[in-house]
PDB file of N, CA and C in Angstrom:
ATOM      1  N   MET A   1       0.835  -1.159   0.085  1.00  0.00           N
ATOM      2  CA  MET A   1       0.037   0.218   0.079  1.00  0.00           C
ATOM      3  C   MET A   1       1.085   1.082  -0.200  1.00  0.00           C
ATOM      4  N   ARG A   2       0.409   2.268  -0.727  1.00  0.00           N
ATOM      5  CA  ARG A   2       1.190   3.671  -0.793  1.00  0.00           C
ATOM      6  C   ARG A   2       0.569   4.568   0.369  1.00  0.00           C
ATOM      7  N   ARG A   3       1.237   5.326   0.862  1.00  0.00           N
ATOM      8  CA  ARG A   3       0.904   6.347   1.945  1.00  0.00           C
ATOM      9  C   ARG A   3       1.751   7.416   1.709  1.00  0.00           C
ATOM     10  N   PRO A   4       1.050   8.872   1.402  1.00  0.00           N
ATOM     11  CA  PRO A   4       2.082  10.057   1.748  1.00  0.00           C
ATOM     12  C   PRO A   4       3.216   9.926   2.798  1.00  0.00           C
ATOM     13  N   VAL A   5       4.018  10.504   2.166  1.00  0.00           N
ATOM     14  CA  VAL A   5       5.152  11.165   3.247  1.00  0.00           C
ATOM     15  C   VAL A   5       5.422  12.467   2.813  1.00  0.00           C
ATOM     16  N   THR A   6       5.871  13.166   3.996  1.00  0.00           N
ATOM     17  CA  THR A   6       5.589  14.500   4.025  1.00  0.00           C
ATOM     18  C   THR A   6       6.914  14.912   4.481  1.00  0.00           C
ATOM     19  N   ARG A   7       7.486  16.059   3.886  1.00  0.00           N
ATOM     20  CA  ARG A   7       9.172  16.694   4.193  1.00  0.00           C
ATOM     21  C   ARG A   7       9.350  17.742   3.568  1.00  0.00           C
ATOM     22  N   PRO A   8       9.767  18.812   3.979  1.00  0.00           N
ATOM     23  CA  PRO A   8      10.446  18.557   5.034  1.00  0.00           C
ATOM     24  C   PRO A   8       9.594  19.358   6.319  1.00  0.00           C
ATOM     25  N   LEU A   9       9.496  18.800   7.366  1.00  0.00           N
ATOM     26  CA  LEU A   9       8.652  18.990   8.851  1.00  0.00           C
ATOM     27  C   LEU A   9       9.787  19.925   9.476  1.00  0.00           C
ATOM     28  N   PRO A  10       9.243  20.880  10.284  1.00  0.00           N
ATOM     29  CA  PRO A  10      10.062  21.044  11.351  1.00  0.00           C
ATOM     30  C   PRO A  10      10.177  20.324  12.609  1.00  0.00           C
ATOM     31  N   TRP A  11      11.190  20.411  12.867  1.00  0.00           N
ATOM     32  CA  TRP A  11      12.139  19.247  14.063  1.00  0.00           C
ATOM     33  C   TRP A  11      11.044  19.119  15.169  1.00  0.00           C
ATOM     34  N   SER A  12      10.238  20.172  15.342  1.00  0.00           N
ATOM     35  CA  SER A  12       8.973  20.210  16.898  1.00  0.00           C
ATOM     36  C   SER A  12       8.079  19.541  16.455  1.00  0.00           C
ATOM     37  N   THR A  13       7.802  19.325  15.005  1.00  0.00           N
ATOM     38  CA  THR A  13       6.383  18.588  14.820  1.00  0.00           C
ATOM     39  C   THR A  13       6.349  17.240  15.445  1.00  0.00           C
ATOM     40  N   SER A  14       4.829  17.223  15.589  1.00  0.00           N
ATOM     41  CA  SER A  14       4.787  15.907  16.694  1.00  0.00           C
ATOM     42  C   SER A  14       3.683  14.658  15.590  1.00  0.00           C
ATOM     43  N   ASN A  15       3.357  14.020  15.894  1.00  0.00           N
ATOM     44  CA  ASN A  15       2.606  12.974  15.330  1.00  0.00           C
ATOM     45  C   ASN A  15       1.380  13.469  15.233  1.00  0.00           C
ATOM     46  N   GLU A  16       0.523  14.122  16.385  1.00  0.00           N
ATOM     47  CA  GLU A  16      -0.756  14.557  16.794  1.00  0.00           C
ATOM     48  C   GLU A  16      -0.859  15.976  15.649  1.00  0.00           C
ATOM     49  N   ASP A  17       0.690  16.560  15.678  1.00  0.00           N
ATOM     50  CA  ASP A  17       0.287  17.571  14.567  1.00  0.00           C
ATOM     51  C   ASP A  17       0.161  17.531  13.387  1.00  0.00           C
ATOM     52  N   LEU A  18       0.555  16.327  13.090  1.00  0.00           N
ATOM     53  CA  LEU A  18       0.381  16.070  11.336  1.00  0.00           C
ATOM     54  C   LEU A  18      -1.368  15.308  11.340  1.00  0.00           C
ATOM     55  N   VAL A  19      -1.689  14.848  12.491  1.00  0.00           N
ATOM     56  CA  VAL A  19      -3.027  14.376  12.403  1.00  0.00           C
ATOM     57  C   VAL A  19      -3.928  15.638  12.039  1.00  0.00           C
ATOM     58  N   GLU A  20      -3.753  16.584  13.073  1.00  0.00           N
ATOM     59  CA  GLU A  20      -4.304  17.704  13.054  1.00  0.00           C
ATOM     60  C   GLU A  20      -4.612  18.639  11.841  1.00  0.00           C
ATOM     61  N   LEU A  21      -2.971  18.513  10.856  1.00  0.00           N
ATOM     62  CA  LEU A  21      -3.067  19.201   9.916  1.00  0.00           C
ATOM     63  C   LEU A  21      -3.894  17.857   8.578  1.00  0.00           C
ATOM     64  N   PHE A  22      -3.689  17.118   8.851  1.00  0.00           N
ATOM     65  CA  PHE A  22      -4.190  16.180   7.601  1.00  0.00           C
ATOM     66  C   PHE A  22      -5.675  15.754   7.819  1.00  0.00           C
ATOM     67  N   THR A  23      -6.110  15.814   9.057  1.00  0.00           N
ATOM     68  CA  THR A  23      -7.952  15.345   9.326  1.00  0.00           C
ATOM     69  C   THR A  23      -8.591  16.581   8.631  1.00  0.00           C
ATOM     70  N   THR A  24      -8.290  18.120   8.093  1.00  0.00           N
ATOM     71  CA  THR A  24      -8.767  18.650   6.995  1.00  0.00           C
ATOM     72  C   THR A  24      -9.173  18.381   6.044  1.00  0.00           C
ATOM     73  N   ILE A  25      -8.684  16.849   5.710  1.00  0.00           N
ATOM     74  CA  ILE A  25      -8.658  16.496   4.290  1.00  0.00           C
ATOM     75  C   ILE A  25      -9.700  15.187   4.535  1.00  0.00           C
ATOM     76  N   GLY A  26      -9.332  14.662   5.806  1.00  0.00           N
ATOM     77  CA  GLY A  26     -10.215  13.187   5.515  1.00  0.00           C
ATOM     78  C   GLY A  26      -9.740  12.450   7.039  1.00  0.00           C
ATOM     79  N   LYS A  27     -10.002  11.222   7.011  1.00  0.00           N
ATOM     80  CA  LYS A  27      -9.893  10.347   8.059  1.00  0.00           C
ATOM     81  C   LYS A  27      -8.475   9.926   8.088  1.00  0.00           C
ATOM     82  N   VAL A  28      -7.374  10.377   9.259  1.00  0.00           N
ATOM     83  CA  VAL A  28      -6.499  10.082   9.124  1.00  0.00           C
ATOM     84  C   VAL A  28      -6.245   8.729  10.079  1.00  0.00           C
ATOM     85  N   GLU A  29      -5.950   7.461   9.702  1.00  0.00           N
ATOM     86  CA  GLU A  29      -5.614   6.128  10.520  1.00  0.00           C
ATOM     87  C   GLU A  29      -4.670   6.299  11.110  1.00  0.00           C
ATOM     88  N   GLN A  30      -3.609   6.973  10.796  1.00  0.00           N
ATOM     89  CA  GLN A  30      -2.127   6.823  11.360  1.00  0.00           C
ATOM     90  C   GLN A  30      -1.410   8.033  11.271  1.00  0.00           C
ATOM     91  N   ALA A  31      -0.835   8.437  11.880  1.00  0.00           N
ATOM     92  CA  ALA A  31       0.270   9.557  11.190  1.00  0.00           C
ATOM     93  C   ALA A  31       1.800   9.427  12.209  1.00  0.00           C
ATOM     94  N   GLU A  32       3.041   9.687  11.484  1.00  0.00           N
ATOM     95  CA  GLU A  32       4.056   8.991  12.306  1.00  0.00           C
ATOM     96  C   GLU A  32       5.067  10.082  11.656  1.00  0.00           C
ATOM     97  N   ILE A  33       5.927  10.649  12.764  1.00  0.00           N
ATOM     98  CA  ILE A  33       7.426  11.154  12.162  1.00  0.00           C
ATOM     99  C   ILE A  33       8.454  10.161  12.359  1.00  0.00           C
ATOM    100  N   GLN A  34       8.899  10.240  11.512  1.00  0.00           N
ATOM    101  CA  GLN A  34      10.570   9.163  10.937  1.00  0.00           C
ATOM    102  C   GLN A  34      11.326  10.010  12.193  1.00  0.00           C
ATOM    103  N   TYR A  35      11.936   8.963  12.939  1.00  0.00           N
ATOM    104  CA  TYR A  35      13.527   9.660  13.323  1.00  0.00           C
ATOM    105  C   TYR A  35      14.460   8.820  12.886  1.00  0.00           C
ATOM    106  N   GLU A  36      15.672   9.068  13.524  1.00  0.00           N
ATOM    107  CA  GLU A  36      16.957   8.416  13.276  1.00  0.00           C
ATOM    108  C   GLU A  36      17.165   7.773  14.858  1.00  0.00           C
ATOM    109  N   PRO A  37      17.978   6.960  14.387  1.00  0.00           N
ATOM    110  CA  PRO A  37      18.567   5.801  15.498  1.00  0.00           C
ATOM    111  C   PRO A  37      18.459   6.754  16.637  1.00  0.00           C
ATOM    112  N   SER A  38      19.348   7.886  16.817  1.00  0.00           N
ATOM    113  CA  SER A  38      19.488   8.971  17.679  1.00  0.00           C
ATOM    114  C   SER A  38      18.715   9.331  18.417  1.00  0.00           C
ATOM    115  N   GLY A  39      17.603   9.204  17.782  1.00  0.00           N
ATOM    116  CA  GLY A  39      16.211   9.908  18.320  1.00  0.00           C
ATOM    117  C   GLY A  39      15.607  11.264  17.740  1.00  0.00           C
ATOM    118  N   ARG A  40      16.629  11.745  17.133  1.00  0.00           N
ATOM    119  CA  ARG A  40      16.238  12.995  16.272  1.00  0.00           C
ATOM    120  C   ARG A  40      15.474  12.782  15.282  1.00  0.00           C
ATOM    121  N   SER A  41      14.620  13.999  15.189  1.00  0.00           N
ATOM    122  CA  SER A  41      13.597  13.702  13.848  1.00  0.00           C
ATOM    123  C   SER A  41      14.174  13.558  12.657  1.00  0.00           C
ATOM    124  N   ARG A  42      13.826  13.120  11.348  1.00  0.00           N
ATOM    125  CA  ARG A  42      14.240  13.022  10.096  1.00  0.00           C
ATOM    126  C   ARG A  42      13.958  13.988   9.312  1.00  0.00           C
ATOM    127  N   GLY A  43      12.863  14.868   9.704  1.00  0.00           N
ATOM    128  CA  GLY A  43      11.940  15.868   9.292  1.00  0.00           C
ATOM    129  C   GLY A  43      11.201  15.470   8.616  1.00  0.00           C
ATOM    130  N   THR A  44      10.812  14.040   8.490  1.00  0.00           N
ATOM    131  CA  THR A  44       9.702  13.765   7.806  1.00  0.00           C
ATOM    132  C   THR A  44       8.772  12.654   8.211  1.00  0.00           C
ATOM    133  N   GLY A  45       7.677  12.421   7.721  1.00  0.00           N
ATOM    134  CA  GLY A  45       6.252  12.007   8.306  1.00  0.00           C
ATOM    135  C   GLY A  45       5.717  11.251   7.333  1.00  0.00           C
ATOM    136  N   VAL A  46       5.223  10.302   7.346  1.00  0.00           N
ATOM    137  CA  VAL A  46       4.586   8.937   7.170  1.00  0.00           C
ATOM    138  C   VAL A  46       2.892   9.548   7.668  1.00  0.00           C
ATOM    139  N   VAL A  47       1.778   9.356   6.502  1.00  0.00           N
ATOM    140  CA  VAL A  47       0.360   9.469   6.958  1.00  0.00           C
ATOM    141  C   VAL A  47      -0.756   8.393   6.432  1.00  0.00           C
ATOM    142  N   ARG A  48      -1.529   7.757   7.012  1.00  0.00           N
ATOM    143  CA  ARG A  48      -1.818   6.569   6.611  1.00  0.00           C
ATOM    144  C   ARG A  48      -3.419   7.084   6.520  1.00  0.00           C
ATOM    145  N   PHE A  49      -4.614   7.318   5.729  1.00  0.00           N
ATOM    146  CA  PHE A  49      -5.814   7.993   5.500  1.00  0.00           C
ATOM    147  C   PHE A  49      -6.398   6.879   5.265  1.00  0.00           C
ATOM    148  N   ASP A  50      -7.399   6.655   5.177  1.00  0.00           N
ATOM    149  CA  ASP A  50      -8.704   5.576   4.913  1.00  0.00           C
ATOM    150  C   ASP A  50      -8.632   5.120   4.009  1.00  0.00           C
ATOM    151  N   SER A  51      -8.509   5.900   2.899  1.00  0.00           N
ATOM    152  CA  SER A  51      -8.555   5.885   1.571  1.00  0.00           C
ATOM    153  C   SER A  51      -7.672   5.769   0.464  1.00  0.00           C
ATOM    154  N   GLN A  52      -7.298   5.528  -0.728  1.00  0.00           N
ATOM    155  CA  GLN A  52      -5.921   5.730  -1.667  1.00  0.00           C
ATOM    156  C   GLN A  52      -6.713   7.237  -2.526  1.00  0.00           C
ATOM    157  N   ALA A  53      -7.941   7.498  -2.230  1.00  0.00           N
ATOM    158  CA  ALA A  53      -8.301   8.764  -2.948  1.00  0.00           C
ATOM    159  C   ALA A  53      -8.140  10.058  -2.218  1.00  0.00           C
ATOM    160  N   THR A  54      -8.287   9.707  -0.739  1.00  0.00           N
ATOM    161  CA  THR A  54      -8.192  10.769   0.165  1.00  0.00           C
ATOM    162  C   THR A  54      -6.502  10.846   0.464  1.00  0.00           C
ATOM    163  N   ALA A  55      -5.602  10.099   0.479  1.00  0.00           N
ATOM    164  CA  ALA A  55      -4.472  10.373   0.183  1.00  0.00           C
ATOM    165  C   ALA A  55      -3.694  10.751  -1.122  1.00  0.00           C
ATOM    166  N   GLU A  56      -4.308  10.884  -2.154  1.00  0.00           N
ATOM    167  CA  GLU A  56      -4.251  11.628  -3.202  1.00  0.00           C
ATOM    168  C   GLU A  56      -4.612  12.822  -3.158  1.00  0.00           C
ATOM    169  N   THR A  57      -5.866  12.957  -2.751  1.00  0.00           N
ATOM    170  CA  THR A  57      -6.634  14.457  -1.906  1.00  0.00           C
ATOM    171  C   THR A  57      -5.092  15.329  -1.310  1.00  0.00           C
ATOM    172  N   SER A  58      -4.577  14.530  -0.304  1.00  0.00           N
ATOM    173  CA  SER A  58      -3.871  15.386   0.365  1.00  0.00           C
ATOM    174  C   SER A  58      -2.692  15.533  -0.150  1.00  0.00           C
ATOM    175  N   ILE A  59      -1.971  14.712  -1.271  1.00  0.00           N
ATOM    176  CA  ILE A  59      -0.830  15.375  -1.878  1.00  0.00           C
ATOM    177  C   ILE A  59      -1.124  16.314  -2.574  1.00  0.00           C
ATOM    178  N   THR A  60      -2.246  16.388  -3.159  1.00  0.00           N
ATOM    179  CA  THR A  60      -2.485  17.601  -4.585  1.00  0.00           C
ATOM    180  C   THR A  60      -2.632  18.854  -3.226  1.00  0.00           C
ATOM    181  N   LYS A  61      -3.238  18.954  -2.275  1.00  0.00           N
ATOM    182  CA  LYS A  61      -3.816  20.065  -1.577  1.00  0.00           C
ATOM    183  C   LYS A  61      -2.549  20.568  -0.984  1.00  0.00           C
ATOM    184  N   PHE A  62      -1.992  19.943  -0.374  1.00  0.00           N
ATOM    185  CA  PHE A  62      -0.560  20.039   0.674  1.00  0.00           C
ATOM    186  C   PHE A  62       0.444  20.488   0.140  1.00  0.00           C
ATOM    187  N   GLN A  63       0.725  20.140  -1.607  1.00  0.00           N
ATOM    188  CA  GLN A  63       2.217  20.225  -2.044  1.00  0.00           C
ATOM    189  C   GLN A  63       2.340  21.513  -1.959  1.00  0.00           C
ATOM    190  N   GLY A  64       3.638  21.806  -1.424  1.00  0.00           N
ATOM    191  CA  GLY A  64       4.049  23.323  -1.381  1.00  0.00           C
ATOM    192  C   GLY A  64       3.649  24.115  -0.390  1.00  0.00           C
ATOM    193  N   TYR A  65       2.643  23.917   0.577  1.00  0.00           N
ATOM    194  CA  TYR A  65       1.754  23.917   1.485  1.00  0.00           C
ATOM    195  C   TYR A  65       3.066  24.810   2.605  1.00  0.00           C
ATOM    196  N   GLN A  66       2.923  26.326   3.177  1.00  0.00           N
ATOM    197  CA  GLN A  66       3.763  26.547   4.348  1.00  0.00           C
ATOM    198  C   GLN A  66       3.155  26.065   5.530  1.00  0.00           C
ATOM    199  N   TYR A  67       4.005  25.103   5.760  1.00  0.00           N
ATOM    200  CA  TYR A  67       3.650  24.561   7.457  1.00  0.00           C
ATOM    201  C   TYR A  67       4.770  25.230   8.545  1.00  0.00           C
ATOM    202  N   GLY A  68       4.686  25.671   9.334  1.00  0.00           N
ATOM    203  CA  GLY A  68       6.068  26.245  10.412  1.00  0.00           C
ATOM    204  C   GLY A  68       7.312  26.816   9.265  1.00  0.00           C
ATOM    205  N   GLY A  69       6.872  27.736   8.314  1.00  0.00           N
ATOM    206  CA  GLY A  69       7.575  28.245   7.510  1.00  0.00           C
ATOM    207  C   GLY A  69       8.409  27.591   6.509  1.00  0.00           C
ATOM    208  N   ARG A  70       8.211  26.275   6.222  1.00  0.00           N
ATOM    209  CA  ARG A  70       8.421  25.248   5.212  1.00  0.00           C
ATOM    210  C   ARG A  70       7.470  25.229   4.224  1.00  0.00           C
ATOM    211  N   PRO A  71       7.949  25.336   2.904  1.00  0.00           N
ATOM    212  CA  PRO A  71       6.742  24.453   2.072  1.00  0.00           C
ATOM    213  C   PRO A  71       7.211  22.770   2.043  1.00  0.00           C
ATOM    214  N   LEU A  72       5.868  22.399   2.257  1.00  0.00           N
ATOM    215  CA  LEU A  72       6.232  21.054   2.595  1.00  0.00           C
ATOM    216  C   LEU A  72       6.102  20.234   0.717  1.00  0.00           C
ATOM    217  N   GLY A  73       6.320  19.034   0.650  1.00  0.00           N
ATOM    218  CA  GLY A  73       6.669  18.145  -0.337  1.00  0.00           C
ATOM    219  C   GLY A  73       6.418  16.919  -0.086  1.00  0.00           C
ATOM    220  N   LEU A  74       5.142  16.230  -0.692  1.00  0.00           N
ATOM    221  CA  LEU A  74       4.645  15.311  -0.152  1.00  0.00           C
ATOM    222  C   LEU A  74       4.537  14.393  -1.748  1.00  0.00           C
ATOM    223  N   SER A  75       4.933  13.249  -1.021  1.00  0.00           N
ATOM    224  CA  SER A  75       5.048  12.053  -2.685  1.00  0.00           C
ATOM    225  C   SER A  75       4.673  10.539  -1.626  1.00  0.00           C
ATOM    226  N   PHE A  76       4.546   9.589  -2.403  1.00  0.00           N
ATOM    227  CA  PHE A  76       4.243   8.539  -2.034  1.00  0.00           C
ATOM    228  C   PHE A  76       5.503   7.529  -1.535  1.00  0.00           C
ATOM    229  N   VAL A  77       5.186   6.669  -0.398  1.00  0.00           N
ATOM    230  CA  VAL A  77       5.982   6.089   0.252  1.00  0.00           C
ATOM    231  C   VAL A  77       5.887   4.441  -0.164  1.00  0.00           C
ATOM    232  N   LYS A  78       6.260   3.336  -0.211  1.00  0.00           N
ATOM    233  CA  LYS A  78       5.602   2.462  -0.592  1.00  0.00           C
ATOM    234  C   LYS A  78       5.913   1.509   0.506  1.00  0.00           C
ATOM    235  N   TYR A  79       4.764   0.782   1.176  1.00  0.00           N
ATOM    236  CA  TYR A  79       4.545   0.023   2.367  1.00  0.00           C
ATOM    237  C   TYR A  79       4.644  -1.589   1.634  1.00  0.00           C
ATOM    238  N   SER A  80       5.499  -2.239   2.436  1.00  0.00           N
ATOM    239  CA  SER A  80       5.143  -3.710   2.180  1.00  0.00           C
ATOM    240  C   SER A  80       4.199  -4.533   3.353  1.00  0.00           C
ATOM    241  N   THR A  81       3.855  -5.875   3.609  1.00  0.00           N
ATOM    242  CA  THR A  81       3.209  -6.108   4.195  1.00  0.00           C
ATOM    243  C   THR A  81       3.519  -7.861   4.808  1.00  0.00           C
ATOM    244  N   PRO A  82       5.182  -7.926   4.807  1.00  0.00           N
ATOM    245  CA  PRO A  82       5.591  -9.682   4.758  1.00  0.00           C
ATOM    246  C   PRO A  82       5.010 -10.070   6.120  1.00  0.00           C
ATOM    247  N   GLY A  83       4.467 -11.341   5.758  1.00  0.00           N
ATOM    248  CA  GLY A  83       3.969 -11.870   7.055  1.00  0.00           C
ATOM    249  C   GLY A  83       2.568 -11.426   7.541  1.00  0.00           C
ATOM    250  N   GLY A  84       2.164 -10.311   6.840  1.00  0.00           N
ATOM    251  CA  GLY A  84       0.541  -9.831   7.276  1.00  0.00           C
ATOM    252  C   GLY A  84       0.786  -8.544   8.145  1.00  0.00           C
ATOM    253  N   GLY A  85       2.482  -8.253   8.301  1.00  0.00           N
ATOM    254  CA  GLY A  85       2.675  -7.443   9.258  1.00  0.00           C
ATOM    255  C   GLY A  85       2.109  -5.846   8.453  1.00  0.00           C
ATOM    256  N   ASP A  86       2.944  -4.746   8.763  1.00  0.00           N
ATOM    257  CA  ASP A  86       2.820  -3.480   8.022  1.00  0.00           C
ATOM    258  C   ASP A  86       3.923  -2.584   8.511  1.00  0.00           C
ATOM    259  N   SER A  87       4.942  -2.686   7.371  1.00  0.00           N
ATOM    260  CA  SER A  87       5.954  -1.981   7.517  1.00  0.00           C
ATOM    261  C   SER A  87       6.746  -1.437   6.776  1.00  0.00           C
ATOM    262  N   MET A  88       7.374  -0.105   6.706  1.00  0.00           N
ATOM    263  CA  MET A  88       7.759   0.313   5.844  1.00  0.00           C
ATOM    264  C   MET A  88       9.041  -0.478   4.948  1.00  0.00           C
ATOM    265  N   ASP A  89       9.065  -0.505   3.241  1.00  0.00           N
ATOM    266  CA  ASP A  89      10.221  -0.949   2.688  1.00  0.00           C
ATOM    267  C   ASP A  89      11.583  -0.139   3.513  1.00  0.00           C
ATOM    268  N   THR A  90      12.476  -0.857   3.910  1.00  0.00           N
ATOM    269  CA  THR A  90      13.681  -0.098   4.416  1.00  0.00           C
ATOM    270  C   THR A  90      15.426   0.328   3.312  1.00  0.00           C
ATOM    271  N   ASP A  91      15.740   1.276   3.684  1.00  0.00           N
ATOM    272  CA  ASP A  91      17.182   1.482   2.679  1.00  0.00           C
ATOM    273  C   ASP A  91      17.607   2.409   3.998  1.00  0.00           C
ATOM    274  N   PRO A  92      18.810   2.614   3.401  1.00  0.00           N
ATOM    275  CA  PRO A  92      19.560   3.890   4.070  1.00  0.00           C
ATOM    276  C   PRO A  92      19.051   5.056   4.857  1.00  0.00           C
ATOM    277  N   HIS A  93      18.097   5.404   3.867  1.00  0.00           N
ATOM    278  CA  HIS A  93      17.295   6.346   3.703  1.00  0.00           C
ATOM    279  C   HIS A  93      15.859   6.155   5.121  1.00  0.00           C
ATOM    280  N   GLY A  94      15.771   5.400   5.360  1.00  0.00           N
ATOM    281  CA  GLY A  94      14.660   5.356   6.132  1.00  0.00           C
ATOM    282  C   GLY A  94      13.041   4.950   5.689  1.00  0.00           C
ATOM    283  N   GLY A  95      13.797   4.073   4.330  1.00  0.00           N
ATOM    284  CA  GLY A  95      12.648   3.760   3.564  1.00  0.00           C
ATOM    285  C   GLY A  95      11.952   4.645   2.186  1.00  0.00           C
ATOM    286  N   LEU A  96      13.085   5.978   2.032  1.00  0.00           N
ATOM    287  CA  LEU A  96      12.403   6.760   1.231  1.00  0.00           C
ATOM    288  C   LEU A  96      13.358   6.163   0.120  1.00  0.00           C
ATOM    289  N   SER A  97      12.777   6.374  -1.433  1.00  0.00           N
ATOM    290  CA  SER A  97      13.579   6.185  -2.037  1.00  0.00           C
ATOM    291  C   SER A  97      14.237   7.727  -2.808  1.00  0.00           C
ATOM    292  N   GLN A  98      14.996   7.819  -3.626  1.00  0.00           N
ATOM    293  CA  GLN A  98      15.956   8.702  -4.066  1.00  0.00           C
ATOM    294  C   GLN A  98      15.142   9.878  -4.434  1.00  0.00           C
ATOM    295  N   GLU A  99      14.305   9.894  -5.512  1.00  0.00           N
ATOM    296  CA  GLU A  99      13.424  10.660  -5.848  1.00  0.00           C
ATOM    297  C   GLU A  99      12.208  11.446  -4.401  1.00  0.00           C
ATOM    298  N   GLN A 100      12.202  10.391  -3.400  1.00  0.00           N
ATOM    299  CA  GLN A 100      11.337  11.059  -2.616  1.00  0.00           C
ATOM    300  C   GLN A 100      11.969  11.928  -1.631  1.00  0.00           C
ATOM    301  N   MET A 101      13.156  11.806  -1.722  1.00  0.00           N
ATOM    302  CA  MET A 101      14.573  12.508  -0.675  1.00  0.00           C
ATOM    303  C   MET A 101      14.356  14.098  -1.308  1.00  0.00           C
ATOM    304  N   MET A 102      14.376  14.821  -0.496  1.00  0.00           N
ATOM    305  CA  MET A 102      14.713  16.593  -0.900  1.00  0.00           C
ATOM    306  C   MET A 102      16.498  16.571  -0.892  1.00  0.00           C
TER     307      MET A 102
END
């Protein structure tokens, strides 16, 4: 399943902040800030909506939106579900492909 990834986020952004922002589009099932192993925010977050259509609308509406003084860049990140779990494809960049990174 593909979900929108949001970047660059202010370092102080919380999961709750993402939910609050994106519920203006539709039902948010989960919003998660991505962190470095050190615990520092990567400045990215992934949002899971109740439908693919809502996810696509979020990208259209918030592409370039000024949030915390930064223009947001949104794109899809691909999740895999090995063994029925729900985990993001991993790589050295936290699951983001080269085209998703800024």
